[in-house]
Protein backbone atom coordinates (compact mmCIF):
# COMPACT_ATOMS: atom_id res chain seq x y z
CA MET A 1 11.57 5.77 59.44
CA MET A 2 12.92 2.26 59.98
CA LEU A 3 11.98 1.40 56.36
CA VAL A 4 14.13 4.30 55.08
CA ILE A 5 17.09 3.34 57.30
CA SER A 6 16.90 -0.29 56.20
CA ILE A 7 16.87 0.66 52.51
CA VAL A 8 19.81 3.11 52.94
CA MET A 9 21.78 0.57 55.01
CA GLY A 10 21.06 -2.04 52.26
CA ILE A 11 22.45 0.20 49.52
CA VAL A 12 25.62 1.20 51.36
CA PRO A 13 27.20 -2.33 51.17
CA LEU A 14 26.42 -2.48 47.47
CA VAL A 15 28.39 0.75 47.02
CA GLY A 16 31.25 -0.96 48.88
CA ILE A 17 31.16 -3.87 46.43
CA ALA A 18 31.19 -1.46 43.52
CA TRP A 19 34.25 0.17 45.07
CA THR A 20 36.12 -3.18 45.35
CA ILE A 21 35.28 -3.88 41.72
CA VAL A 22 36.48 -0.43 40.57
CA THR A 23 39.74 -0.66 42.48
CA GLY A 24 40.40 -4.16 41.22
CA THR A 25 40.76 -5.79 44.63
CA VAL A 26 37.78 -8.09 43.99
CA THR A 27 40.17 -10.72 42.52
CA THR A 28 42.08 -11.11 45.75
CA VAL A 29 40.95 -13.34 48.62
CA ASP A 30 40.35 -10.29 50.82
CA GLY A 31 38.22 -8.73 48.10
CA LEU A 32 36.15 -11.89 47.71
CA PHE A 33 35.48 -12.20 51.39
CA MET A 34 34.77 -8.48 51.62
CA SER A 35 32.21 -8.88 48.81
CA LEU A 36 30.54 -11.83 50.52
CA ILE A 37 30.31 -10.00 53.82
CA LEU A 38 28.94 -6.86 52.23
CA LEU A 39 26.34 -8.91 50.26
CA SER A 40 25.27 -10.56 53.50
CA LEU A 41 24.86 -7.26 55.22
CA SER A 42 22.85 -5.89 52.29
CA ALA A 43 20.61 -8.99 52.22
CA VAL A 44 19.82 -8.61 55.93
CA PHE A 45 18.83 -4.93 55.62
CA PHE A 46 16.77 -5.55 52.43
CA LEU A 47 15.05 -8.49 54.11
CA ASN A 48 14.14 -6.13 56.97
CA ALA A 49 12.76 -3.59 54.49
CA PHE A 50 10.74 -6.34 52.81
CA TRP A 51 9.15 -7.37 56.15
CA GLU A 52 8.33 -3.71 56.91
CA LEU A 53 6.65 -3.32 53.57
CA ARG A 54 4.72 -6.55 54.02
CA ASP A 55 3.56 -5.50 57.45
CA ARG A 56 2.34 -2.15 56.12
CA GLY A 57 0.38 -3.93 53.34
CA ALA A 58 2.40 -2.37 50.56
CA LEU A 59 3.04 -5.81 49.03
CA ALA A 60 -0.59 -6.93 48.80
CA PHE A 61 -0.29 -7.54 45.09
CA LEU A 62 1.98 -10.54 45.84
CA ASN A 63 -0.96 -12.35 47.47
CA LYS A 64 -3.21 -12.64 44.41
CA LYS A 65 -4.06 -16.29 45.09
CA LYS A 66 -5.09 -15.69 48.70
CA ALA A 67 -7.19 -12.69 47.70
CA ALA A 68 -8.98 -14.67 44.94
CA ALA A 69 -9.68 -17.50 47.30
CA GLU A 70 -11.28 -15.17 49.84
CA VAL A 71 -13.59 -13.64 47.17
CA THR A 72 -15.05 -16.92 46.03
CA PRO A 73 -17.90 -18.17 48.19
CA LYS A 74 -17.34 -21.34 50.11
CA VAL A 75 -19.91 -24.09 49.70
CA THR A 76 -20.83 -25.98 52.84
CA THR A 77 -22.43 -29.36 52.70
CA LYS A 78 -23.00 -29.78 56.43
CA VAL A 79 -26.68 -29.93 57.33
CA THR A 80 -27.70 -28.53 60.69
CA THR A 81 -30.94 -29.17 62.45
CA ASN A 82 -32.52 -27.63 65.52
CA VAL A 83 -33.56 -31.00 66.97
CA ALA A 84 -31.90 -31.82 70.24
CA PRO A 85 -30.76 -35.39 70.79
CA LYS A 86 -33.04 -37.59 72.89
CA ALA A 87 -31.91 -38.02 76.44
CA THR A 88 -32.32 -41.54 77.88
CA ALA A 89 -32.86 -42.01 81.57
CA ASN A 90 -31.72 -44.94 83.69
CA LEU A 91 -28.72 -45.87 81.76
CA THR A 92 -26.88 -48.79 83.21
CA PRO A 93 -23.12 -48.33 83.41
CA VAL A 94 -21.21 -50.51 81.02
CA SER A 95 -18.79 -52.88 82.79
CA LYS A 96 -15.43 -53.58 81.28
CA ASP A 97 -15.69 -57.25 82.13
CA ALA A 98 -17.67 -58.94 79.34
CA ALA A 99 -18.07 -62.29 81.10
CA PRO A 100 -21.08 -62.66 83.36
CA LYS A 101 -20.35 -63.10 87.10
CA GLU A 102 -21.31 -66.34 88.73
CA SER A 103 -23.71 -66.01 91.60
CA GLU A 104 -23.22 -67.84 94.90
CA SER A 105 -26.37 -69.75 95.65
C-alpha cells in the first residue's frame, strides 16, 4: 500500500510542473521555484518507492554482479590440521629488564 501511495504522490508534483508549463508561468521566478520544489517532492516520493521495491526484492536484476559472484565457488588456500599445539610446562616469565641483576655477595 505504501508503494502505491509513494508512486501516486510522486506523479502528482509532475502534473503540477506540467500545469505550470501549460499556463506559461514557468518563465517567472515563482514558476521556476515552484518547479524546483515540485521536482524535489517528486524525487523524495520516487526514492521511497525505489527503496520499497528494493526491500521487496523486485529490483534483483540490478544486482547482476553480486549474484554472479555468489555463484562462483571460492577457492581457499588455508590449510587446516587437526594437530594441537604442544604445551610447554614450567615456562619462566619474561622480564622486561634485559640487563642481568647484580647479586650481593
